Protein backbone atom coordinates (compact mmCIF):
# COMPACT_ATOMS: atom_id res chain seq x y z
CA MET A 1 31.93 17.22 -84.47
CA THR A 2 34.56 19.64 -85.71
CA ASP A 3 35.37 21.11 -89.22
CA ASP A 4 39.18 21.47 -88.10
CA PRO A 5 41.18 20.14 -91.16
CA ARG A 6 43.47 18.34 -88.81
CA VAL A 7 41.07 16.46 -86.76
CA LEU A 8 39.53 15.29 -89.81
CA LEU A 9 42.95 14.28 -91.14
CA ILE A 10 43.62 12.51 -87.70
CA GLU A 11 40.67 10.81 -87.99
CA LYS A 12 40.92 9.91 -91.92
CA ILE A 13 44.25 8.32 -91.31
CA LYS A 14 42.88 6.51 -87.66
CA ALA A 15 40.03 4.93 -89.75
CA GLN A 16 42.65 3.44 -92.14
CA ILE A 17 45.37 1.97 -89.60
CA TRP A 18 42.81 0.89 -86.84
CA PRO A 19 41.16 -1.95 -89.10
CA LEU A 20 44.73 -3.41 -89.51
CA MET A 21 44.98 -3.67 -85.45
CA GLU A 22 41.29 -4.75 -84.74
CA GLY A 23 41.34 -8.72 -83.67
CA HIS A 24 44.83 -8.41 -82.42
CA GLY A 25 45.21 -8.76 -78.50
CA PRO A 26 46.95 -6.01 -76.56
CA GLU A 27 50.04 -7.20 -76.54
CA ILE A 28 50.36 -6.77 -80.56
CA GLN A 29 48.42 -3.55 -80.60
CA SER A 30 50.60 -2.47 -77.82
CA ALA A 31 53.97 -3.60 -79.85
CA ILE A 32 52.67 -2.07 -82.86
CA ILE A 33 51.88 1.41 -80.86
CA ALA A 34 55.50 1.34 -79.28
CA ASP A 35 57.11 0.70 -82.56
CA MET A 36 55.47 3.29 -84.17
CA LEU A 37 56.05 5.75 -81.05
CA ALA A 38 59.48 4.97 -80.93
CA THR A 39 60.00 5.67 -84.71
CA LEU A 40 58.70 8.87 -84.37
CA LEU A 41 60.64 9.77 -81.40
CA ALA A 42 63.86 8.52 -83.05
CA GLY A 43 63.28 11.31 -85.73
CA HIS A 44 63.41 13.86 -83.08
CA ALA A 45 67.06 15.25 -82.25
CA PRO A 46 68.15 13.68 -78.87
CA PRO A 47 67.99 16.60 -76.74
CA ILE A 48 64.42 16.81 -77.30
CA ARG A 49 63.12 13.52 -77.04
CA GLU A 50 62.01 13.19 -73.59
CA GLN A 51 60.10 16.45 -73.76
CA ALA A 52 58.39 14.82 -77.28
CA LEU A 53 57.51 11.84 -74.98
CA VAL A 54 56.03 14.01 -72.22
CA SER A 55 54.27 16.01 -74.66
CA ILE A 56 52.64 12.84 -76.27
CA MET A 57 51.67 11.10 -73.01
CA VAL A 58 50.14 14.61 -71.78
CA LEU A 59 47.82 14.34 -75.06
CA THR A 60 47.18 10.76 -74.62
CA LYS A 61 45.77 11.17 -70.91
CA GLN A 62 43.86 13.78 -72.35
CA LEU A 63 42.39 11.66 -75.04
CA ILE A 64 41.54 8.57 -72.91
CA PRO A 65 37.88 10.21 -71.23
CA ILE A 66 36.93 11.41 -74.87
CA ASN A 67 37.81 7.67 -76.37
CA GLU A 68 36.22 5.96 -73.34
CA VAL A 69 32.99 7.77 -74.14
CA LEU A 70 33.13 6.53 -77.88
CA LEU A 71 34.39 3.13 -76.97
CA PHE A 72 31.67 2.25 -74.26
CA HIS A 73 28.74 4.46 -75.81
CA GLY A 74 28.82 7.16 -73.20
CA ARG A 75 28.02 4.32 -70.54
CA GLY A 76 31.68 4.45 -69.01
CA HIS A 77 34.21 1.89 -68.78
CA PRO A 78 32.91 -1.67 -67.21
CA TYR A 79 35.33 -2.02 -64.84
CA LYS A 80 35.50 1.48 -63.02
CA SER A 81 35.24 -0.46 -59.76
CA TRP A 82 38.71 -1.94 -60.08
CA PRO A 83 41.45 -0.72 -57.92
CA GLU A 84 43.12 2.42 -59.47
CA GLU A 85 46.27 1.14 -61.51
CA THR A 86 49.71 2.83 -61.24
CA THR A 87 52.87 2.33 -62.91
CA SER A 88 55.84 0.52 -61.31
CA ASP A 89 57.04 4.11 -60.11
CA GLY A 90 53.63 4.79 -58.61
CA GLU A 91 52.48 7.14 -61.10
CA LYS A 92 48.32 6.85 -61.75
CA LEU A 93 47.56 5.63 -65.31
């Protein structure tokens, strides 16, 4: 655990938002997150939006292993044997 006030604030806000999304399918959850991200990026000056998006994606990728441990209680994702997923341009997900 941490006593970093930023992490504690993030966890507090996430705990308020997540119950609103639970129980909805991934298509609804994805649309909510995409809309919130678009709103966040729209607030940035147009010349820095792309870099802001890149920074968010880097952070997101760094958080996936941590959240996988939390979500699956340290057992790992149950579909580890699935083929690796890629984006339409061939980038690994």
